[in-house]
Amino acid sequence: MAIREIIILPDKQLRLVSKPIEKVTAQVRKLADDMLETMYDAPGIGLAAIQVAEPLRLITMDLSKKEGEEKAPRVFINPEILSVSEELSVYEEGCLSIPEYYEEVERPASVRFRYMDLDGKMREEEASDLFATCIQHEIDHLNGVLFVDYLSKLKRDRVLKKFTKAAKRVG
């Protein structure tokens, strides 16, 4: 396992649409392991492969945030949302690719989604609360969408400007 570099806004790769994974290989498993290690190190609760510059439809997640709580790593391959609730919920979201920026985002309160697991089996699950928000946030990454895209144009423009300036100072 290895910790990978997380790409940061305004990196254009974050806007790529990720490609489906044909089958679970040793390479896919290694990428999932690296992503989990990277996510824990960051620290974060979710990571899409595109955030480590791999345009593949792969997500890692662990919603066990409490100190001392046993880790509960999850891997979702080719996840897709099948249905969403009419009910909405608001969560304060952040993103490892947009460090130290948080904003409230409104999304469907629950979703039904399908994915392939690391054994290559297709699964369907219902997600609500934080799980629903996180799976939608990460699937958005696979489609080149960032949580700031849900904000008002004014807020979004401010964030993009701030990160573009920061990237110029570093670069």
Protein backbone atom coordinates (compact mmCIF):
# COMPACT_ATOMS: atom_id res chain seq x y z
CA MET A 1 0.00 0.00 0.00
CA ALA A 2 1.11 3.51 -0.71
CA ILE A 3 -0.10 6.99 0.04
CA ARG A 4 -0.82 8.81 -3.20
CA GLU A 5 -0.86 12.52 -3.87
CA ILE A 6 -4.35 14.02 -3.89
CA ILE A 7 -4.89 16.44 -6.74
CA ILE A 8 -6.21 19.86 -5.72
CA LEU A 9 -8.54 22.35 -7.37
CA PRO A 10 -8.06 23.93 -9.97
CA ASP A 11 -6.43 20.77 -11.46
CA LYS A 12 -8.41 20.10 -14.65
CA GLN A 13 -8.29 16.33 -14.09
CA LEU A 14 -10.99 16.82 -11.43
CA ARG A 15 -13.39 17.63 -14.29
CA LEU A 16 -12.75 14.36 -16.17
CA VAL A 17 -15.49 11.73 -16.43
CA SER A 18 -14.00 8.49 -15.09
CA LYS A 19 -14.04 5.27 -17.10
CA PRO A 20 -15.84 2.10 -15.96
CA ILE A 21 -13.73 -0.74 -14.59
CA GLU A 22 -14.18 -3.85 -16.74
CA LYS A 23 -13.15 -6.39 -14.12
CA VAL A 24 -11.57 -6.55 -10.70
CA THR A 25 -7.85 -7.21 -11.12
CA ALA A 26 -4.87 -7.16 -8.77
CA GLN A 27 -4.19 -3.64 -10.11
CA VAL A 28 -7.71 -2.48 -9.14
CA ARG A 29 -7.32 -4.03 -5.66
CA LYS A 30 -3.95 -2.29 -5.22
CA LEU A 31 -5.47 1.04 -6.27
CA ALA A 32 -8.31 0.53 -3.74
CA ASP A 33 -5.76 -0.25 -0.99
CA ASP A 34 -3.68 2.82 -1.89
CA MET A 35 -6.82 4.98 -1.92
CA LEU A 36 -7.90 3.75 1.52
CA GLU A 37 -4.46 4.47 2.93
CA THR A 38 -4.44 7.91 1.27
CA MET A 39 -7.96 8.67 2.55
CA TYR A 40 -7.08 7.68 6.14
CA ASP A 41 -3.86 9.68 6.00
CA ALA A 42 -5.58 12.85 4.68
CA PRO A 43 -7.83 12.29 6.82
CA GLY A 44 -11.15 11.97 5.01
CA ILE A 45 -14.25 9.78 4.85
CA GLY A 46 -14.41 9.29 1.08
CA LEU A 47 -12.12 9.36 -1.94
CA ALA A 48 -12.71 8.91 -5.67
CA ALA A 49 -9.95 7.47 -7.87
CA ILE A 50 -9.84 10.65 -9.98
CA GLN A 51 -8.66 12.50 -6.86
CA VAL A 52 -5.42 10.49 -7.04
CA ALA A 53 -5.22 11.11 -10.82
CA GLU A 54 -6.74 7.74 -11.80
CA PRO A 55 -9.81 8.36 -14.03
CA LEU A 56 -11.53 5.10 -13.03
CA ARG A 57 -14.99 4.60 -11.49
CA LEU A 58 -13.72 3.55 -8.06
CA ILE A 59 -14.61 4.99 -4.66
CA THR A 60 -13.34 4.25 -1.16
CA MET A 61 -15.21 5.28 1.97
CA ASP A 62 -15.19 4.87 5.72
CA LEU A 63 -17.83 6.64 7.77
CA SER A 64 -16.53 5.42 11.16
CA LYS A 65 -15.20 8.73 12.38
CA LYS A 66 -15.14 8.35 16.14
CA GLU A 67 -11.76 7.94 17.78
CA GLY A 68 -11.23 4.32 18.80
CA GLU A 69 -14.11 3.12 16.64
CA GLU A 70 -13.13 0.17 14.47
CA LYS A 71 -12.42 1.11 10.87
CA ALA A 72 -15.09 0.11 8.36
CA PRO A 73 -13.49 0.53 4.93
CA ARG A 74 -15.79 0.21 1.91
CA VAL A 75 -14.95 -0.01 -1.79
CA PHE A 76 -17.45 0.74 -4.56
CA ILE A 77 -16.64 -0.06 -8.20
CA ASN A 78 -18.71 1.49 -11.02
CA PRO A 79 -21.30 2.89 -8.58
CA GLU A 80 -24.46 4.34 -10.07
CA ILE A 81 -27.49 5.91 -8.46
CA LEU A 82 -30.71 4.11 -9.32
CA SER A 83 -33.19 6.34 -7.49
CA VAL A 84 -33.27 9.31 -5.11
CA SER A 85 -35.75 10.42 -2.50
CA GLU A 86 -37.86 13.52 -2.97
CA GLU A 87 -36.92 14.48 0.57
CA LEU A 88 -33.78 16.61 0.74
CA SER A 89 -31.19 17.03 3.46
CA VAL A 90 -28.42 19.55 4.04
CA TYR A 91 -24.93 18.58 5.17
CA GLU A 92 -21.80 20.62 5.51
CA GLU A 93 -19.50 19.12 2.90
CA GLY A 94 -15.78 19.33 2.41
CA CYS A 95 -13.46 17.71 -0.10
CA LEU A 96 -9.89 16.47 0.05
CA SER A 97 -9.33 18.14 -3.34
CA ILE A 98 -10.62 21.46 -1.98
CA PRO A 99 -8.79 21.52 1.38
CA GLU A 100 -10.10 23.45 4.37
CA TYR A 101 -13.22 24.69 2.57
CA TYR A 102 -16.64 23.63 3.84
CA GLU A 103 -20.10 24.64 2.75
CA GLU A 104 -23.64 23.40 3.24
CA VAL A 105 -25.01 21.44 0.27
CA GLU A 106 -28.56 20.23 -0.27
CA ARG A 107 -28.95 16.75 -1.79
CA PRO A 108 -31.53 13.95 -1.78
CA ALA A 109 -31.81 12.56 1.78
CA SER A 110 -31.63 8.95 0.60
CA VAL A 111 -30.56 7.10 -2.54
CA ARG A 112 -30.63 3.58 -3.91
CA PHE A 113 -27.46 2.67 -5.78
CA ARG A 114 -25.75 -0.26 -7.48
CA TYR A 115 -22.05 -1.08 -7.54
CA MET A 116 -19.59 -3.93 -7.95
CA ASP A 117 -17.61 -5.10 -4.91
CA LEU A 118 -13.97 -6.25 -4.83
CA ASP A 119 -15.12 -9.82 -5.53
CA GLY A 120 -16.71 -8.66 -8.79
CA LYS A 121 -20.26 -9.16 -7.45
CA MET A 122 -22.99 -6.66 -8.28
CA ARG A 123 -24.70 -5.23 -5.21
CA GLU A 124 -27.53 -2.81 -4.50
CA GLU A 125 -27.84 -0.71 -1.39
CA GLU A 126 -29.98 1.97 0.17
CA ALA A 127 -28.13 4.92 1.68
CA SER A 128 -29.43 7.69 3.92
CA ASP A 129 -28.05 10.49 6.08
CA LEU A 130 -24.27 10.97 5.87
CA PHE A 131 -23.86 7.78 3.80
CA ALA A 132 -26.26 9.16 1.14
CA THR A 133 -24.45 12.51 1.05
CA CYS A 134 -21.04 10.86 0.82
CA ILE A 135 -21.95 8.38 -1.94
CA GLN A 136 -23.53 11.19 -4.00
CA HIS A 137 -20.48 13.43 -3.43
CA GLU A 138 -18.07 10.69 -4.54
CA ILE A 139 -20.17 9.57 -7.54
CA ASP A 140 -20.22 13.24 -8.58
CA HIS A 141 -16.40 13.12 -8.65
CA LEU A 142 -16.58 10.21 -11.10
CA ASN A 143 -18.67 12.45 -13.37
CA GLY A 144 -16.38 15.49 -13.10
CA VAL A 145 -18.71 17.32 -10.69
CA LEU A 146 -17.48 18.99 -7.48
CA PHE A 147 -19.55 19.93 -4.43
CA VAL A 148 -18.83 23.61 -5.10
CA ASP A 149 -20.89 23.24 -8.30
CA TYR A 150 -23.98 23.17 -6.04
CA LEU A 151 -23.18 26.57 -4.53
CA SER A 152 -24.30 29.97 -5.76
CA LYS A 153 -22.25 31.36 -8.64
CA LEU A 154 -20.80 34.00 -6.32
CA LYS A 155 -19.55 31.48 -3.73
CA ARG A 156 -18.29 29.09 -6.43
CA ASP A 157 -16.38 31.84 -8.23
CA ARG A 158 -14.75 32.95 -4.94
CA VAL A 159 -13.56 29.40 -4.19
CA LEU A 160 -12.22 28.85 -7.70
CA LYS A 161 -10.41 32.19 -7.61
CA LYS A 162 -8.88 31.41 -4.18
CA PHE A 163 -7.59 27.98 -5.27
CA THR A 164 -6.37 29.25 -8.64
CA LYS A 165 -4.34 31.96 -6.86
CA ALA A 166 -2.94 29.42 -4.38
CA ALA A 167 -1.94 27.10 -7.23
CA LYS A 168 -0.07 29.93 -8.97
CA ARG A 169 1.87 30.69 -5.77
CA VAL A 170 2.88 27.02 -5.42
CA GLY A 171 3.46 26.34 -9.12
